[in-house]
Amino acid sequence: MDWIISDELGLTVGHLVGWGAAGAMIIGGIAPYIPQYRQIQKTQDAEGFSLYVCLTLLIANTLRILFWFGKRYEIPLLLQSIVMNVTMFIMIHLCVNVRKKNQIIRARERIFTDMDRKYFWAWTDFQSYVDCMLVFSVLGAAITYLLIEVSPFVEFIGFLAVFTEAMLGAPQIFKNHQNKSTEGMSVSMVIMWTCGDIFKTAYYVIREAPTQFWVCGSLQVTLDVVILLQVWWYRHNTAAARRLRRGD
């Protein structure tokens, strides 16, 4: 009788751990953006945060959702992609509003339908970002529907999704390099990125997710570490930029 109770208890504990890990995967991905959101709100300055981070995640998670229709993976990973897309639109909405408020001289409106490559993903209204991703999603869904039975195509979508997400840190690395400073970027966000990506990669390995997931997860951790090294490398410039902003 004891071993039956023990087995049942073990199963229950296993389920709880599994549910906890799944919940962490779904919600944990958005946690790093909370300090960045609060920092932008507090300082009313969005220049230190690259909107290309949002573009990278929107593309990656949209592709991952399309990949699910061709090769079913765990539901928590699918829900994570949906939640992350919503979060990125919230970040974009904040950044667009803050940048509008900070305009001293009102510049010409730049919108998606202008089809001006020079201002791609630098539009002045939130709706343009929504329209762009809507077009991408519809085109992606149509192509996937037509080629859903072609296994190499489905595998390519999966690889492209996780590889794009793995390059998440690249726009922020470039932004920091341009500014020669990490002022305006939340260090807490990057630390949480790193912790989350390590957890996520381990989750992929343990749950035997498709190989693309954990290989690109490892690349993502590497880029996180590069950004943390930039924080140290540009620390003096960042401190000077912070004093200048405060008027010290």
Protein backbone atom coordinates (compact mmCIF):
# COMPACT_ATOMS: atom_id res chain seq x y z
CA MET A 1 0.00 0.00 0.00
CA ASP A 2 2.84 2.39 0.88
CA TRP A 3 4.44 2.06 -2.53
CA ILE A 4 1.11 2.81 -4.23
CA ILE A 5 0.70 6.00 -2.16
CA SER A 6 4.33 6.85 -2.86
CA ASP A 7 3.83 6.37 -6.60
CA GLU A 8 0.66 8.46 -6.57
CA LEU A 9 2.42 11.20 -4.58
CA GLY A 10 5.35 11.12 -6.97
CA LEU A 11 3.00 11.48 -9.91
CA THR A 12 1.29 14.43 -8.25
CA VAL A 13 4.58 16.15 -7.44
CA GLY A 14 5.77 15.47 -10.98
CA HIS A 15 2.62 17.04 -12.36
CA LEU A 16 3.03 20.10 -10.14
CA VAL A 17 6.64 20.56 -11.21
CA GLY A 18 5.64 20.15 -14.85
CA TRP A 19 2.81 22.64 -14.54
CA GLY A 20 5.09 25.08 -12.74
CA ALA A 21 7.74 24.81 -15.46
CA ALA A 22 5.09 25.24 -18.16
CA GLY A 23 3.70 28.33 -16.40
CA ALA A 24 7.20 29.76 -16.09
CA MET A 25 7.74 29.20 -19.82
CA ILE A 26 4.50 31.00 -20.72
CA ILE A 27 4.76 33.99 -18.38
CA GLY A 28 8.48 34.08 -17.64
CA GLY A 29 9.35 35.28 -21.13
CA ILE A 30 7.64 38.63 -20.61
CA ALA A 31 9.16 39.30 -17.17
CA PRO A 32 12.39 40.92 -18.51
CA TYR A 33 10.37 43.61 -20.27
CA ILE A 34 8.66 44.81 -17.09
CA PRO A 35 11.74 46.73 -15.79
CA GLN A 36 12.42 48.11 -19.28
CA TYR A 37 8.79 49.25 -19.61
CA ARG A 38 8.89 50.91 -16.19
CA GLN A 39 12.21 52.60 -16.95
CA ILE A 40 10.90 54.09 -20.21
CA GLN A 41 7.73 55.23 -18.42
CA LYS A 42 9.73 56.81 -15.61
CA THR A 43 12.34 58.61 -17.73
CA GLN A 44 10.07 59.29 -20.72
CA ASP A 45 13.04 58.30 -22.88
CA ALA A 46 12.88 55.34 -25.27
CA GLU A 47 16.11 56.01 -27.18
CA GLY A 48 18.17 53.42 -25.31
CA PHE A 49 15.81 50.55 -26.23
CA SER A 50 15.92 49.17 -29.76
CA LEU A 51 12.52 48.62 -31.34
CA TYR A 52 14.22 46.02 -33.52
CA VAL A 53 14.20 43.81 -30.43
CA CYS A 54 10.39 43.88 -30.71
CA LEU A 55 10.55 43.20 -34.46
CA THR A 56 12.85 40.22 -33.90
CA LEU A 57 10.54 38.68 -31.32
CA LEU A 58 7.38 39.36 -33.32
CA ILE A 59 8.81 37.63 -36.39
CA ALA A 60 10.26 34.75 -34.37
CA ASN A 61 7.08 34.04 -32.44
CA THR A 62 4.82 34.41 -35.47
CA LEU A 63 6.98 31.86 -37.30
CA ARG A 64 6.91 29.59 -34.27
CA ILE A 65 3.10 29.71 -34.24
CA LEU A 66 3.06 28.77 -37.95
CA PHE A 67 5.55 25.98 -37.24
CA TRP A 68 3.11 24.49 -34.69
CA PHE A 69 0.59 23.79 -37.46
CA GLY A 70 3.18 21.79 -39.37
CA LYS A 71 4.86 20.04 -36.45
CA ARG A 72 3.02 20.00 -33.14
CA TYR A 73 5.13 20.83 -30.10
CA GLU A 74 4.13 21.49 -26.49
CA ILE A 75 1.16 23.82 -25.93
CA PRO A 76 3.04 25.96 -23.33
CA LEU A 77 5.56 26.92 -26.02
CA LEU A 78 2.71 27.91 -28.34
CA LEU A 79 1.04 30.00 -25.62
CA GLN A 80 4.41 31.60 -24.84
CA SER A 81 4.62 32.85 -28.42
CA ILE A 82 1.12 34.37 -28.30
CA VAL A 83 1.76 36.08 -24.95
CA MET A 84 5.13 37.40 -26.17
CA ASN A 85 3.60 38.94 -29.30
CA VAL A 86 1.05 40.81 -27.20
CA THR A 87 3.84 42.03 -24.90
CA MET A 88 5.91 43.32 -27.83
CA PHE A 89 2.98 45.35 -29.13
CA ILE A 90 2.58 46.87 -25.66
CA MET A 91 6.29 47.84 -25.68
CA ILE A 92 5.99 49.35 -29.16
CA HIS A 93 2.89 51.33 -28.15
CA LEU A 94 4.77 52.86 -25.21
CA CYS A 95 7.88 53.70 -27.25
CA VAL A 96 5.89 55.34 -30.07
CA ASN A 97 3.93 57.49 -27.60
CA VAL A 98 7.04 58.54 -25.69
CA ARG A 99 8.90 59.48 -28.87
CA LYS A 100 5.93 61.54 -30.06
CA LYS A 101 5.85 63.45 -26.76
CA ASN A 102 9.59 64.17 -26.98
CA GLN A 103 9.39 65.78 -30.42
CA ILE A 104 10.35 69.44 -30.09
CA ILE A 105 9.48 70.20 -33.72
CA ARG A 106 6.67 68.09 -35.08
CA ALA A 107 8.11 65.98 -37.89
CA ARG A 108 6.26 64.54 -40.85
CA GLU A 109 4.22 61.43 -40.06
CA ARG A 110 5.82 58.22 -41.27
CA ILE A 111 3.45 55.30 -41.79
CA PHE A 112 3.66 51.73 -43.10
CA THR A 113 1.68 52.45 -46.28
CA ASP A 114 4.32 54.99 -47.39
CA MET A 115 6.43 51.94 -48.32
CA ASP A 116 9.58 53.96 -47.63
CA ARG A 117 12.42 51.55 -46.82
CA LYS A 118 14.38 54.31 -45.10
CA TYR A 119 11.75 54.49 -42.37
CA PHE A 120 10.97 50.80 -42.08
CA TRP A 121 10.15 49.98 -38.44
CA ALA A 122 10.65 53.65 -37.56
CA TRP A 123 7.08 54.74 -38.14
CA THR A 124 5.44 57.43 -36.06
CA ASP A 125 2.12 55.70 -35.43
CA PHE A 126 1.40 52.43 -33.61
CA GLN A 127 -1.10 51.19 -36.21
CA SER A 128 1.68 50.91 -38.80
CA TYR A 129 3.49 48.30 -36.70
CA VAL A 130 0.27 46.32 -36.34
CA ASP A 131 -0.40 46.54 -40.09
CA CYS A 132 3.12 45.37 -40.93
CA MET A 133 2.87 42.28 -38.73
CA LEU A 134 -0.64 41.58 -39.99
CA VAL A 135 0.65 41.50 -43.59
CA PHE A 136 3.58 39.28 -42.55
CA SER A 137 1.26 36.90 -40.67
CA VAL A 138 -1.26 36.59 -43.51
CA LEU A 139 1.45 35.96 -46.13
CA GLY A 140 3.20 33.48 -43.83
CA ALA A 141 -0.04 31.65 -43.10
CA ALA A 142 -0.92 31.41 -46.82
CA ILE A 143 2.49 30.00 -47.77
CA THR A 144 2.44 27.57 -44.83
CA TYR A 145 -1.05 26.38 -45.79
CA LEU A 146 0.14 25.64 -49.34
CA LEU A 147 3.34 23.86 -48.25
CA ILE A 148 2.21 22.27 -44.98
CA GLU A 149 2.82 18.76 -46.35
CA VAL A 150 6.39 19.55 -47.42
CA SER A 151 8.51 18.39 -44.49
CA PRO A 152 11.73 20.32 -45.36
CA PHE A 153 9.71 23.55 -45.56
CA VAL A 154 8.12 22.95 -42.15
CA GLU A 155 11.53 22.19 -40.61
CA PHE A 156 12.92 25.36 -42.19
CA ILE A 157 10.15 27.44 -40.58
CA GLY A 158 11.03 25.91 -37.21
CA PHE A 159 14.71 26.68 -37.66
CA LEU A 160 14.01 30.21 -38.90
CA ALA A 161 11.74 30.88 -35.90
CA VAL A 162 14.24 29.86 -33.23
CA PHE A 163 17.24 31.30 -35.10
CA THR A 164 15.49 34.69 -35.38
CA GLU A 165 14.70 34.57 -31.66
CA ALA A 166 18.30 33.58 -30.95
CA MET A 167 19.40 36.82 -32.65
CA LEU A 168 17.20 38.83 -30.27
CA GLY A 169 20.17 40.46 -28.57
CA ALA A 170 21.83 41.54 -31.85
CA PRO A 171 19.79 44.78 -32.35
CA GLN A 172 20.48 45.82 -28.76
CA ILE A 173 24.19 45.01 -29.14
CA PHE A 174 24.28 47.21 -32.27
CA LYS A 175 22.34 49.99 -30.50
CA ASN A 176 24.78 49.96 -27.57
CA HIS A 177 27.73 49.96 -29.98
CA GLN A 178 26.27 52.95 -31.84
CA ASN A 179 25.70 54.89 -28.63
CA LYS A 180 28.96 53.69 -27.03
CA SER A 181 26.77 53.48 -23.95
CA THR A 182 24.02 51.36 -22.40
CA GLU A 183 22.13 54.36 -21.01
CA GLY A 184 18.38 53.89 -21.44
CA MET A 185 18.68 50.09 -21.57
CA SER A 186 17.49 48.22 -18.49
CA VAL A 187 20.32 46.06 -17.15
CA SER A 188 17.70 44.18 -15.12
CA MET A 189 16.02 43.26 -18.41
CA VAL A 190 19.25 41.76 -19.78
CA ILE A 191 19.99 39.85 -16.57
CA MET A 192 16.47 38.43 -16.68
CA TRP A 193 16.96 37.63 -20.38
CA THR A 194 20.07 35.64 -19.48
CA CYS A 195 18.43 33.73 -16.62
CA GLY A 196 15.32 33.07 -18.70
CA ASP A 197 17.28 31.90 -21.72
CA ILE A 198 19.37 29.50 -19.61
CA PHE A 199 16.17 28.09 -18.08
CA LYS A 200 14.47 27.93 -21.49
CA THR A 201 17.39 26.11 -23.12
CA ALA A 202 17.52 23.60 -20.28
CA TYR A 203 13.73 23.13 -20.62
CA TYR A 204 14.13 22.41 -24.34
CA VAL A 205 16.80 19.78 -23.66
CA ILE A 206 14.90 18.08 -20.82
CA ARG A 207 11.57 18.07 -22.68
CA GLU A 208 13.27 16.85 -25.87
CA ALA A 209 12.00 19.76 -27.95
CA PRO A 210 13.08 19.85 -31.63
CA THR A 211 16.86 20.27 -31.99
CA GLN A 212 16.47 23.76 -33.49
CA PHE A 213 15.08 25.01 -30.18
CA TRP A 214 18.00 24.17 -27.87
CA VAL A 215 20.77 24.93 -30.39
CA CYS A 216 19.45 28.44 -30.97
CA GLY A 217 18.70 28.82 -27.27
CA SER A 218 22.41 28.35 -26.61
CA LEU A 219 23.22 31.07 -29.18
CA GLN A 220 20.76 33.37 -27.43
CA VAL A 221 22.51 32.91 -24.08
CA THR A 222 25.82 33.81 -25.78
CA LEU A 223 24.42 37.10 -27.09
CA ASP A 224 22.99 37.90 -23.64
CA VAL A 225 26.49 37.53 -22.21
CA VAL A 226 27.88 39.88 -24.90
CA ILE A 227 25.37 42.58 -23.85
CA LEU A 228 26.37 42.17 -20.20
CA LEU A 229 30.00 42.60 -21.26
CA GLN A 230 28.97 45.83 -23.04
CA VAL A 231 27.46 47.07 -19.77
CA TRP A 232 30.88 46.69 -18.17
CA TRP A 233 32.84 47.98 -21.20
CA TYR A 234 30.77 51.16 -21.62
CA ARG A 235 30.24 51.74 -17.89
CA HIS A 236 32.08 55.12 -17.83
CA ASN A 237 30.23 56.44 -20.91
CA THR A 238 26.93 55.26 -19.44
CA ALA A 239 27.61 57.07 -16.15
CA ALA A 240 28.50 60.27 -18.06
CA ALA A 241 25.34 60.03 -20.20
CA ARG A 242 23.24 59.52 -17.07
CA ARG A 243 24.76 62.63 -15.41
CA LEU A 244 24.13 64.64 -18.58
CA ARG A 245 20.49 63.55 -18.70
CA ARG A 246 20.00 64.53 -15.07
CA GLY A 247 21.71 67.88 -15.63
CA ASP A 248 24.43 67.20 -13.04
